């Protein structure tokens, strides 16, 4: 006669597969997190904003008007609209001549924030290390 022993049911949970899945997810998130972050690098002042020194070099001013046209205060085309490619080419050439020239962005009050950011990205791709934002110095009451 064959006698069977009664086995107790195993009541432990095997957590090894869960740890494996958790480690894989951790690696996926660590790899994708830097790719998700987008932005424009802007060097913000540590103190309250002040006007540029009188002794400093005159800044290169990249402007965008209410219609989205780009302007640059360099050369003989200061009052003529230019394309984004022309602006980037001229800025890159000026930075090769003088890498220490300050660059500021002048945006019309009616222009959208998106267009100002696009101009800043364009300047960043042209090699500008830091960008300042031009403001109106008139006091509002």
N, C-alpha and C. Protein backbone atom coordinates (compact mmCIF):
# COMPACT_ATOMS: atom_id res chain seq x y z
N UNK A 1 0.83 -1.17 0.00
CA UNK A 1 0.00 0.00 0.00
C UNK A 1 0.88 1.24 0.00
N UNK A 2 0.42 2.17 -0.76
CA UNK A 2 1.21 3.39 -0.94
C UNK A 2 0.65 4.48 -0.04
N UNK A 3 1.50 5.05 0.81
CA UNK A 3 1.05 6.06 1.75
C UNK A 3 1.62 7.41 1.29
N UNK A 4 0.75 8.33 1.18
CA UNK A 4 1.16 9.69 0.79
C UNK A 4 1.35 10.55 2.02
N UNK A 5 2.40 11.35 1.95
CA UNK A 5 2.58 12.33 3.02
C UNK A 5 1.85 13.59 2.60
N UNK A 6 1.25 14.20 3.54
CA UNK A 6 0.57 15.46 3.25
C UNK A 6 1.60 16.58 3.21
N UNK A 7 1.55 17.33 2.13
CA UNK A 7 2.44 18.48 2.02
C UNK A 7 1.70 19.74 2.45
N UNK A 8 2.44 20.58 3.11
CA UNK A 8 1.85 21.86 3.50
C UNK A 8 1.90 22.77 2.28
N UNK A 9 0.88 23.57 2.08
CA UNK A 9 0.93 24.53 0.97
C UNK A 9 1.97 25.63 1.28
N UNK A 10 2.67 26.06 0.23
CA UNK A 10 3.68 27.09 0.40
C UNK A 10 2.98 28.44 0.46
N UNK A 11 3.19 29.16 1.52
CA UNK A 11 2.51 30.44 1.70
C UNK A 11 3.44 31.62 1.56
N UNK A 12 4.61 31.43 0.98
CA UNK A 12 5.55 32.52 0.78
C UNK A 12 5.39 33.08 -0.63
N UNK A 13 5.56 34.37 -0.75
CA UNK A 13 5.49 35.03 -2.05
C UNK A 13 6.92 35.16 -2.58
N UNK A 14 7.09 34.76 -3.80
CA UNK A 14 8.40 34.89 -4.43
C UNK A 14 8.51 36.30 -5.00
N UNK A 15 9.36 37.14 -4.42
CA UNK A 15 9.46 38.54 -4.81
C UNK A 15 10.57 38.81 -5.82
N UNK A 16 11.33 37.83 -6.18
CA UNK A 16 12.45 38.02 -7.11
C UNK A 16 11.98 38.58 -8.46
N UNK A 17 10.90 38.06 -9.07
CA UNK A 17 10.46 38.65 -10.35
C UNK A 17 10.03 40.11 -10.21
N UNK A 18 9.45 40.46 -9.09
CA UNK A 18 9.03 41.85 -8.88
C UNK A 18 10.24 42.78 -8.77
N UNK A 19 11.29 42.30 -8.12
CA UNK A 19 12.51 43.10 -8.01
C UNK A 19 13.13 43.29 -9.38
N UNK A 20 13.12 42.25 -10.20
CA UNK A 20 13.67 42.35 -11.56
C UNK A 20 12.90 43.39 -12.38
N UNK A 21 11.59 43.35 -12.31
CA UNK A 21 10.77 44.31 -13.05
C UNK A 21 11.02 45.73 -12.54
N UNK A 22 11.14 45.88 -11.24
CA UNK A 22 11.38 47.20 -10.66
C UNK A 22 12.74 47.76 -11.12
N UNK A 23 13.76 46.95 -11.17
CA UNK A 23 15.08 47.41 -11.62
C UNK A 23 15.06 47.79 -13.09
N UNK A 24 14.35 47.03 -13.90
CA UNK A 24 14.24 47.37 -15.33
C UNK A 24 13.52 48.71 -15.50
N UNK A 25 12.43 48.92 -14.77
CA UNK A 25 11.71 50.20 -14.84
C UNK A 25 12.59 51.35 -14.35
N UNK A 26 13.37 51.14 -13.32
CA UNK A 26 14.26 52.17 -12.82
C UNK A 26 15.27 52.57 -13.89
N UNK A 27 15.84 51.60 -14.56
CA UNK A 27 16.81 51.89 -15.62
C UNK A 27 16.13 52.65 -16.76
N UNK A 28 14.94 52.24 -17.15
CA UNK A 28 14.21 52.93 -18.23
C UNK A 28 13.95 54.38 -17.85
N UNK A 29 13.51 54.64 -16.63
CA UNK A 29 13.23 56.00 -16.21
C UNK A 29 14.51 56.84 -16.11
N UNK A 30 15.61 56.23 -15.69
CA UNK A 30 16.86 56.96 -15.60
C UNK A 30 17.38 57.35 -16.99
N UNK A 31 17.13 56.52 -17.97
CA UNK A 31 17.59 56.82 -19.32
C UNK A 31 16.70 57.86 -19.99
N UNK A 32 15.40 57.77 -19.79
CA UNK A 32 14.47 58.67 -20.50
C UNK A 32 14.29 60.02 -19.82
N UNK A 33 14.57 60.16 -18.55
CA UNK A 33 14.35 61.42 -17.85
C UNK A 33 15.13 62.58 -18.45
N UNK A 34 16.42 62.44 -18.76
CA UNK A 34 17.13 63.58 -19.37
C UNK A 34 16.62 63.92 -20.76
N UNK A 35 16.05 62.96 -21.47
CA UNK A 35 15.55 63.22 -22.81
C UNK A 35 14.25 64.02 -22.78
N UNK A 36 13.49 63.89 -21.73
CA UNK A 36 12.20 64.57 -21.63
C UNK A 36 12.39 66.05 -21.31
N UNK A 37 13.41 66.38 -20.55
CA UNK A 37 13.64 67.75 -20.12
C UNK A 37 14.06 68.60 -21.31
N UNK A 38 13.30 69.66 -21.58
CA UNK A 38 13.64 70.58 -22.65
C UNK A 38 13.62 71.98 -22.09
N UNK A 39 14.39 72.83 -22.68
CA UNK A 39 14.40 74.21 -22.22
C UNK A 39 15.50 75.00 -22.89
N UNK A 40 15.49 76.26 -22.60
CA UNK A 40 16.50 77.17 -23.12
C UNK A 40 17.36 77.58 -21.95
N UNK A 41 18.66 77.46 -22.12
CA UNK A 41 19.56 77.89 -21.05
C UNK A 41 19.64 79.41 -21.04
N UNK A 42 19.35 79.98 -19.90
CA UNK A 42 19.43 81.43 -19.72
C UNK A 42 20.17 81.67 -18.42
N UNK A 43 21.18 82.50 -18.47
CA UNK A 43 21.90 82.86 -17.26
C UNK A 43 21.13 83.97 -16.55
N UNK A 44 20.52 83.65 -15.43
CA UNK A 44 19.75 84.63 -14.68
C UNK A 44 20.66 85.38 -13.72
N UNK A 45 20.40 86.67 -13.51
CA UNK A 45 21.24 87.43 -12.59
C UNK A 45 21.00 86.99 -11.15
N UNK A 46 22.04 87.11 -10.34
CA UNK A 46 21.95 86.73 -8.92
C UNK A 46 21.35 87.86 -8.08
N UNK A 47 21.38 89.07 -8.60
CA UNK A 47 20.86 90.23 -7.87
C UNK A 47 19.86 90.95 -8.76
N UNK A 48 19.40 92.10 -8.29
CA UNK A 48 18.43 92.85 -9.07
C UNK A 48 19.07 93.32 -10.37
N UNK A 49 18.26 93.43 -11.41
CA UNK A 49 18.76 93.80 -12.73
C UNK A 49 19.22 95.24 -12.75
N UNK A 50 20.34 95.46 -13.38
CA UNK A 50 20.89 96.79 -13.51
C UNK A 50 21.22 97.04 -14.97
N UNK A 51 21.34 98.29 -15.33
CA UNK A 51 21.69 98.65 -16.70
C UNK A 51 23.12 98.24 -17.00
N UNK A 52 23.43 98.04 -18.28
CA UNK A 52 24.80 97.72 -18.68
C UNK A 52 25.71 98.90 -18.39
N UNK A 53 26.95 98.61 -18.05
CA UNK A 53 27.93 99.67 -17.76
C UNK A 53 28.18 100.51 -19.01
N UNK A 54 28.51 101.76 -18.78
CA UNK A 54 28.85 102.66 -19.88
C UNK A 54 30.15 102.21 -20.55
N UNK A 55 31.04 101.58 -19.77
CA UNK A 55 32.34 101.16 -20.29
C UNK A 55 32.27 99.87 -21.10
N UNK A 56 31.19 99.10 -20.94
CA UNK A 56 31.11 97.80 -21.61
C UNK A 56 30.88 97.97 -23.11
N UNK A 57 31.16 96.91 -23.84
CA UNK A 57 30.95 96.92 -25.28
C UNK A 57 29.47 97.08 -25.57
N UNK A 58 29.11 97.75 -26.66
CA UNK A 58 27.69 97.83 -27.00
C UNK A 58 27.17 96.44 -27.34
N UNK A 59 26.01 96.10 -26.81
CA UNK A 59 25.52 94.74 -27.02
C UNK A 59 24.97 94.53 -28.43
N UNK A 60 24.93 93.27 -28.83
CA UNK A 60 24.28 92.89 -30.06
C UNK A 60 22.81 92.64 -29.68
N UNK A 61 21.90 93.38 -30.31
CA UNK A 61 20.49 93.30 -29.97
C UNK A 61 19.75 92.56 -31.07
N UNK A 62 19.20 91.40 -30.72
CA UNK A 62 18.36 90.64 -31.63
C UNK A 62 16.91 90.94 -31.26
N UNK A 63 16.13 91.42 -32.23
CA UNK A 63 14.76 91.85 -31.95
C UNK A 63 13.76 91.03 -32.74
N UNK A 64 12.57 90.90 -32.18
CA UNK A 64 11.44 90.29 -32.88
C UNK A 64 10.26 91.24 -32.69
N UNK A 65 9.60 91.60 -33.82
CA UNK A 65 8.48 92.54 -33.73
C UNK A 65 7.16 91.78 -33.62
N UNK A 66 6.06 92.52 -33.59
CA UNK A 66 4.74 91.92 -33.38
C UNK A 66 4.34 90.97 -34.51
N UNK A 67 4.89 91.17 -35.70
CA UNK A 67 4.57 90.29 -36.84
C UNK A 67 5.48 89.06 -36.87
N UNK A 68 6.48 88.98 -36.00
CA UNK A 68 7.38 87.84 -35.98
C UNK A 68 8.61 88.02 -36.85
N UNK A 69 8.89 89.25 -37.30
CA UNK A 69 10.08 89.52 -38.11
C UNK A 69 11.28 89.71 -37.20
N UNK A 70 12.45 89.25 -37.67
CA UNK A 70 13.68 89.35 -36.90
C UNK A 70 14.52 90.52 -37.39
N UNK A 71 15.20 91.17 -36.43
CA UNK A 71 16.08 92.30 -36.72
C UNK A 71 17.35 92.13 -35.90
N UNK A 72 18.45 92.72 -36.39
CA UNK A 72 19.70 92.70 -35.67
C UNK A 72 20.36 94.06 -35.82
N UNK A 73 20.94 94.60 -34.76
CA UNK A 73 21.50 95.94 -34.79
C UNK A 73 22.94 95.97 -35.30
N UNK A 74 23.32 95.04 -36.14
CA UNK A 74 24.67 94.96 -36.69
C UNK A 74 24.62 95.26 -38.18
N UNK A 75 25.53 96.07 -38.66
CA UNK A 75 25.64 96.32 -40.10
C UNK A 75 24.65 97.36 -40.60
N UNK A 76 24.45 97.34 -41.91
CA UNK A 76 23.60 98.35 -42.54
C UNK A 76 22.15 97.91 -42.68
N UNK A 77 21.79 96.76 -42.15
CA UNK A 77 20.42 96.26 -42.27
C UNK A 77 19.69 96.29 -40.93
N UNK A 78 19.95 97.35 -40.15
CA UNK A 78 19.36 97.41 -38.82
C UNK A 78 17.84 97.56 -38.84
N UNK A 79 17.30 98.22 -39.86
CA UNK A 79 15.86 98.45 -39.91
C UNK A 79 15.17 97.56 -40.93
N UNK A 80 15.87 96.56 -41.46
CA UNK A 80 15.29 95.64 -42.43
C UNK A 80 15.08 94.28 -41.78
N UNK A 81 13.90 93.70 -42.04
CA UNK A 81 13.60 92.38 -41.50
C UNK A 81 14.49 91.34 -42.17
N UNK A 82 14.87 90.31 -41.42
CA UNK A 82 15.71 89.24 -41.98
C UNK A 82 15.16 87.89 -41.56
N UNK A 83 15.59 86.88 -42.29
CA UNK A 83 15.13 85.52 -41.98
C UNK A 83 15.90 84.98 -40.78
N UNK A 84 15.40 83.90 -40.23
CA UNK A 84 16.05 83.28 -39.08
C UNK A 84 17.44 82.76 -39.45
N UNK A 85 17.58 82.24 -40.66
CA UNK A 85 18.89 81.71 -41.10
C UNK A 85 19.90 82.85 -41.23
N UNK A 86 19.49 83.98 -41.81
CA UNK A 86 20.39 85.12 -41.95
C UNK A 86 20.81 85.65 -40.58
N UNK A 87 19.86 85.75 -39.65
CA UNK A 87 20.17 86.23 -38.31
C UNK A 87 21.18 85.32 -37.64
N UNK A 88 20.97 84.00 -37.72
CA UNK A 88 21.89 83.05 -37.09
C UNK A 88 23.27 83.13 -37.72
N UNK A 89 23.34 83.31 -39.04
CA UNK A 89 24.63 83.40 -39.72
C UNK A 89 25.40 84.65 -39.30
N UNK A 90 24.71 85.78 -39.24
CA UNK A 90 25.37 87.03 -38.86
C UNK A 90 25.83 86.98 -37.39
N UNK A 91 24.99 86.43 -36.52
CA UNK A 91 25.35 86.33 -35.10
C UNK A 91 26.56 85.43 -34.93
N UNK A 92 26.58 84.29 -35.62
CA UNK A 92 27.72 83.37 -35.51
C UNK A 92 29.00 84.04 -36.01
N UNK A 93 28.89 84.81 -37.10
CA UNK A 93 30.07 85.51 -37.63
C UNK A 93 30.58 86.57 -36.65
N UNK A 94 29.65 87.31 -36.04
CA UNK A 94 30.05 88.34 -35.07
C UNK A 94 30.70 87.71 -33.83
N UNK A 95 30.18 86.54 -33.41
CA UNK A 95 30.77 85.88 -32.25
C UNK A 95 32.16 85.33 -32.55
N UNK A 96 32.42 84.98 -33.80
CA UNK A 96 33.77 84.54 -34.15
C UNK A 96 34.74 85.71 -34.11
N UNK A 97 34.27 86.90 -34.52
CA UNK A 97 35.12 88.09 -34.46
C UNK A 97 35.37 88.51 -33.02
N UNK A 98 34.29 88.56 -32.23
CA UNK A 98 34.37 89.03 -30.84
C UNK A 98 33.52 88.13 -29.95
N UNK A 99 34.11 87.09 -29.35
CA UNK A 99 33.31 86.16 -28.55
C UNK A 99 32.79 86.74 -27.23
N UNK A 100 33.29 87.89 -26.81
CA UNK A 100 32.87 88.48 -25.54
C UNK A 100 31.74 89.49 -25.69
N UNK A 101 31.21 89.67 -26.89
CA UNK A 101 30.15 90.66 -27.10
C UNK A 101 28.87 90.20 -26.40
N UNK A 102 28.24 91.07 -25.61
CA UNK A 102 26.98 90.68 -24.96
C UNK A 102 25.85 90.63 -25.98
N UNK A 103 24.92 89.71 -25.79
CA UNK A 103 23.78 89.54 -26.69
C UNK A 103 22.51 89.69 -25.86
N UNK A 104 21.60 90.56 -26.31
CA UNK A 104 20.32 90.74 -25.63
C UNK A 104 19.19 90.54 -26.62
N UNK A 105 18.06 90.13 -26.10
CA UNK A 105 16.86 89.91 -26.90
C UNK A 105 15.87 91.03 -26.60
N UNK A 106 15.35 91.62 -27.66
CA UNK A 106 14.37 92.68 -27.54
C UNK A 106 13.09 92.18 -28.19
N UNK A 107 12.06 91.93 -27.40
CA UNK A 107 10.80 91.43 -27.92
C UNK A 107 9.71 92.47 -27.78
N UNK A 108 8.92 92.62 -28.83
CA UNK A 108 7.78 93.54 -28.80
C UNK A 108 6.79 93.08 -27.73
N UNK A 109 6.11 94.01 -27.11
CA UNK A 109 5.14 93.66 -26.07
C UNK A 109 3.98 92.84 -26.59
N UNK A 110 3.67 92.96 -27.88
CA UNK A 110 2.54 92.23 -28.45
C UNK A 110 2.94 90.86 -29.00
N UNK A 111 4.23 90.57 -29.02
CA UNK A 111 4.69 89.29 -29.57
C UNK A 111 4.46 88.18 -28.54
N UNK A 112 4.20 86.98 -29.04
CA UNK A 112 3.93 85.87 -28.13
C UNK A 112 5.22 85.38 -27.48
N UNK A 113 5.08 84.80 -26.33
CA UNK A 113 6.22 84.25 -25.60
C UNK A 113 6.93 83.19 -26.43
N UNK A 114 6.18 82.45 -27.19
CA UNK A 114 6.73 81.40 -28.04
C UNK A 114 7.73 81.95 -29.05
N UNK A 115 7.44 83.09 -29.63
CA UNK A 115 8.34 83.67 -30.62
C UNK A 115 9.63 84.18 -29.97
N UNK A 116 9.54 84.69 -28.76
CA UNK A 116 10.75 85.13 -28.05
C UNK A 116 11.61 83.91 -27.72
N UNK A 117 10.99 82.83 -27.29
CA UNK A 117 11.73 81.61 -26.98
C UNK A 117 12.37 81.05 -28.25
N UNK A 118 11.66 81.10 -29.37
CA UNK A 118 12.23 80.62 -30.64
C UNK A 118 13.45 81.45 -31.01
N UNK A 119 13.41 82.75 -30.78
CA UNK A 119 14.57 83.61 -31.04
C UNK A 119 15.73 83.23 -30.13
N UNK A 120 15.46 82.95 -28.87
CA UNK A 120 16.50 82.57 -27.94
C UNK A 120 17.13 81.23 -28.32
N UNK A 121 16.31 80.30 -28.78
CA UNK A 121 16.83 79.00 -29.24
C UNK A 121 17.69 79.20 -30.48
N UNK A 122 17.25 80.08 -31.37
CA UNK A 122 18.02 80.39 -32.58
C UNK A 122 19.39 80.96 -32.22
N UNK A 123 19.43 81.86 -31.25
CA UNK A 123 20.69 82.44 -30.80
C UNK A 123 21.57 81.39 -30.13
N UNK A 124 20.96 80.51 -29.35
CA UNK A 124 21.71 79.45 -28.69
C UNK A 124 22.36 78.53 -29.72
N UNK A 125 21.63 78.20 -30.78
CA UNK A 125 22.19 77.35 -31.84
C UNK A 125 23.28 78.07 -32.63
N UNK A 126 23.24 79.39 -32.65
CA UNK A 126 24.28 80.16 -33.34
C UNK A 126 25.55 80.26 -32.51
N UNK A 127 25.51 79.80 -31.25
CA UNK A 127 26.70 79.78 -30.42
C UNK A 127 26.76 80.83 -29.34
N UNK A 128 25.65 81.51 -29.07
CA UNK A 128 25.63 82.54 -28.02
C UNK A 128 25.68 81.84 -26.66
N UNK A 129 26.68 82.16 -25.81
CA UNK A 129 26.78 81.47 -24.52
C UNK A 129 25.72 81.90 -23.50
N UNK A 130 25.35 83.17 -23.50
CA UNK A 130 24.30 83.62 -22.59
C UNK A 130 23.55 84.78 -23.24
N UNK A 131 22.27 84.85 -22.91
CA UNK A 131 21.38 85.84 -23.52
C UNK A 131 20.76 86.68 -22.43
N UNK A 132 20.74 88.00 -22.64
CA UNK A 132 20.04 88.90 -21.73
C UNK A 132 18.72 89.33 -22.34
N UNK A 133 17.80 89.74 -21.51
CA UNK A 133 16.51 90.22 -21.97
C UNK A 133 16.45 91.73 -21.79
N UNK A 134 16.09 92.43 -22.85
CA UNK A 134 16.02 93.89 -22.82
C UNK A 134 14.66 94.29 -22.27
N UNK A 135 14.66 95.29 -21.40
CA UNK A 135 13.41 95.78 -20.83
C UNK A 135 13.33 97.28 -21.03
N UNK A 136 12.13 97.82 -20.86
CA UNK A 136 11.92 99.25 -20.95
C UNK A 136 12.25 99.86 -19.60
N UNK A 137 13.01 100.94 -19.60
CA UNK A 137 13.43 101.52 -18.32
C UNK A 137 12.43 102.53 -17.79
N UNK A 138 11.33 102.77 -18.49
CA UNK A 138 10.36 103.76 -18.01
C UNK A 138 9.60 103.18 -16.82
N UNK A 139 9.34 104.03 -15.85
CA UNK A 139 8.61 103.65 -14.64
C UNK A 139 7.12 103.67 -14.91
N UNK A 140 6.41 102.62 -14.47
CA UNK A 140 4.95 102.61 -14.62
C UNK A 140 4.32 103.10 -13.33
N UNK A 141 3.26 103.88 -13.47
CA UNK A 141 2.60 104.44 -12.29
C UNK A 141 1.37 103.64 -11.96
